[in-house]
Amino acid sequence: MSPINRIPVLQNGTVLRLLGVQSSQEGRYSCTASNKVGRAEADTFLQITAPPRIITPSDELKVIAGHGQTIRCEVSGTPSPRVEWLKNNKKFDAAMAQASSNLHYIHFRFELSSFSRMKTL
């Protein structure tokens, strides 16, 4: 076992086995070989990707007509996921949606009597 993250090194040091890879393991890995006549080195960069995940979806919301309401959708994923808002299964006007890092939200300032969850992709 390698002391770094307890990664097993196999086959006389020629294989590095990464199991259950996590984002903390992303980085440059170097392999060096040496003997009495020289030394060789090769680098590999391990990039971790992750599927989109919705961290904090909004539940059903109710709002008084004429008041505003903000609906939030916090997402994660690598590369950063593209978020779309839908209303009744139709794409929503993207000009009303805003994003800050991995938090996407939409704010309504027009008349609504009640509102249910919006779907995200």
Protein backbone atom coordinates (compact mmCIF):
# COMPACT_ATOMS: atom_id res chain seq x y z
CA MET A 1 0.00 0.00 0.00
CA SER A 2 1.17 3.47 -0.82
CA PRO A 3 1.04 5.88 2.14
CA ILE A 4 -0.83 8.42 -0.04
CA ASN A 5 -4.55 7.70 0.48
CA ARG A 6 -3.74 3.99 1.02
CA ILE A 7 -3.49 3.31 -2.73
CA PRO A 8 -2.28 -0.23 -3.47
CA VAL A 9 0.85 -0.50 -5.63
CA LEU A 10 0.96 -3.85 -7.44
CA GLN A 11 3.15 -5.95 -9.76
CA ASN A 12 6.54 -4.94 -8.38
CA GLY A 13 5.57 -1.26 -8.30
CA THR A 14 4.47 -1.01 -11.94
CA VAL A 15 0.71 -0.73 -11.29
CA LEU A 16 -1.09 1.83 -9.15
CA ARG A 17 -4.66 0.71 -8.45
CA LEU A 18 -7.23 3.43 -7.67
CA LEU A 19 -10.50 2.03 -6.33
CA GLY A 20 -13.55 4.11 -5.42
CA VAL A 21 -11.93 7.21 -6.91
CA GLN A 22 -12.85 10.51 -5.25
CA SER A 23 -12.27 14.11 -6.31
CA SER A 24 -9.47 14.46 -3.73
CA GLN A 25 -7.43 11.99 -5.81
CA GLU A 26 -7.40 14.25 -8.86
CA GLY A 27 -3.93 15.43 -9.78
CA ARG A 28 -0.63 14.64 -11.42
CA TYR A 29 0.76 11.15 -10.90
CA SER A 30 4.39 10.49 -11.77
CA CYS A 31 6.08 7.18 -12.45
CA THR A 32 9.85 7.05 -12.15
CA ALA A 33 12.19 4.22 -12.99
CA SER A 34 15.89 4.16 -12.26
CA ASN A 35 18.85 1.85 -12.34
CA LYS A 36 22.63 2.23 -12.29
CA VAL A 37 22.70 3.66 -15.85
CA GLY A 38 19.94 6.24 -15.65
CA ARG A 39 16.49 7.41 -14.76
CA ALA A 40 13.19 7.87 -16.63
CA GLU A 41 9.99 9.64 -15.60
CA ALA A 42 6.48 9.92 -17.05
CA ASP A 43 3.50 11.92 -15.82
CA THR A 44 -0.22 11.26 -16.04
CA PHE A 45 -2.90 13.71 -15.01
CA LEU A 46 -5.98 12.10 -13.46
CA GLN A 47 -9.09 14.23 -13.98
CA ILE A 48 -12.20 13.25 -12.02
CA THR A 49 -15.66 13.75 -13.50
CA ALA A 50 -18.98 13.40 -11.70
CA PRO A 51 -22.55 13.23 -13.03
CA PRO A 52 -24.96 16.09 -12.31
CA ARG A 53 -26.65 15.97 -8.91
CA ILE A 54 -29.33 18.23 -7.45
CA ILE A 55 -28.28 19.10 -3.91
CA THR A 56 -31.14 21.30 -2.71
CA PRO A 57 -34.30 21.20 -4.81
CA SER A 58 -37.20 23.47 -3.91
CA ASP A 59 -40.29 21.74 -2.60
CA GLU A 60 -43.82 22.86 -3.44
CA LEU A 61 -44.17 26.59 -2.87
CA LYS A 62 -47.18 28.83 -2.43
CA VAL A 63 -47.15 32.58 -2.93
CA ILE A 64 -49.76 35.30 -2.56
CA ALA A 65 -50.75 36.88 -5.88
CA GLY A 66 -48.72 40.03 -6.54
CA HIS A 67 -45.81 38.96 -4.30
CA GLY A 68 -42.43 37.65 -5.45
CA GLN A 69 -40.99 34.19 -4.96
CA THR A 70 -37.51 32.77 -5.51
CA ILE A 71 -37.05 29.11 -6.44
CA ARG A 72 -33.56 27.72 -5.83
CA CYS A 73 -31.80 24.71 -7.30
CA GLU A 74 -28.29 23.93 -6.07
CA VAL A 75 -26.41 21.48 -8.29
CA SER A 76 -23.04 19.78 -8.42
CA GLY A 77 -21.10 17.87 -11.05
CA THR A 78 -17.85 17.94 -12.97
CA PRO A 79 -17.76 19.49 -15.45
CA SER A 80 -20.31 22.01 -14.13
CA PRO A 81 -23.79 20.97 -15.24
CA ARG A 82 -25.97 23.12 -17.47
CA VAL A 83 -29.26 23.88 -15.69
CA GLU A 84 -32.53 24.49 -17.48
CA TRP A 85 -35.80 25.56 -15.92
CA LEU A 86 -39.07 24.10 -17.17
CA LYS A 87 -42.66 25.10 -16.47
CA ASN A 88 -45.26 22.42 -17.21
CA ASN A 89 -42.59 20.49 -19.16
CA LYS A 90 -41.76 23.47 -21.41
CA LYS A 91 -38.51 25.43 -21.33
CA PHE A 92 -38.75 28.57 -19.25
CA ASP A 93 -37.50 32.00 -20.35
CA ALA A 94 -33.78 31.83 -19.57
CA ALA A 95 -33.60 35.62 -19.19
CA MET A 96 -35.35 35.29 -15.82
CA ALA A 97 -33.00 32.62 -14.47
CA GLN A 98 -29.74 33.56 -12.75
CA ALA A 99 -26.80 31.55 -11.52
CA SER A 100 -24.05 32.01 -8.99
CA SER A 101 -21.43 29.25 -8.98
CA ASN A 102 -23.43 26.04 -8.41
CA LEU A 103 -26.61 27.77 -7.15
CA HIS A 104 -29.25 28.45 -9.78
CA TYR A 105 -32.39 30.38 -8.99
CA ILE A 106 -35.33 32.07 -10.56
CA HIS A 107 -37.34 34.91 -9.05
CA PHE A 108 -40.92 35.72 -9.96
CA ARG A 109 -42.38 39.21 -9.63
CA PHE A 110 -45.63 38.76 -11.45
CA GLU A 111 -49.00 37.45 -10.34
CA LEU A 112 -49.13 33.83 -9.28
CA SER A 113 -51.77 32.29 -7.08
CA SER A 114 -49.87 29.07 -6.37
CA PHE A 115 -46.85 27.33 -7.73
CA SER A 116 -45.60 23.74 -7.77
CA ARG A 117 -42.10 22.31 -8.17
CA MET A 118 -40.24 23.03 -11.40
CA LYS A 119 -38.28 20.27 -13.06
CA THR A 120 -34.57 20.59 -13.78
CA LEU A 121 -32.37 18.72 -16.17
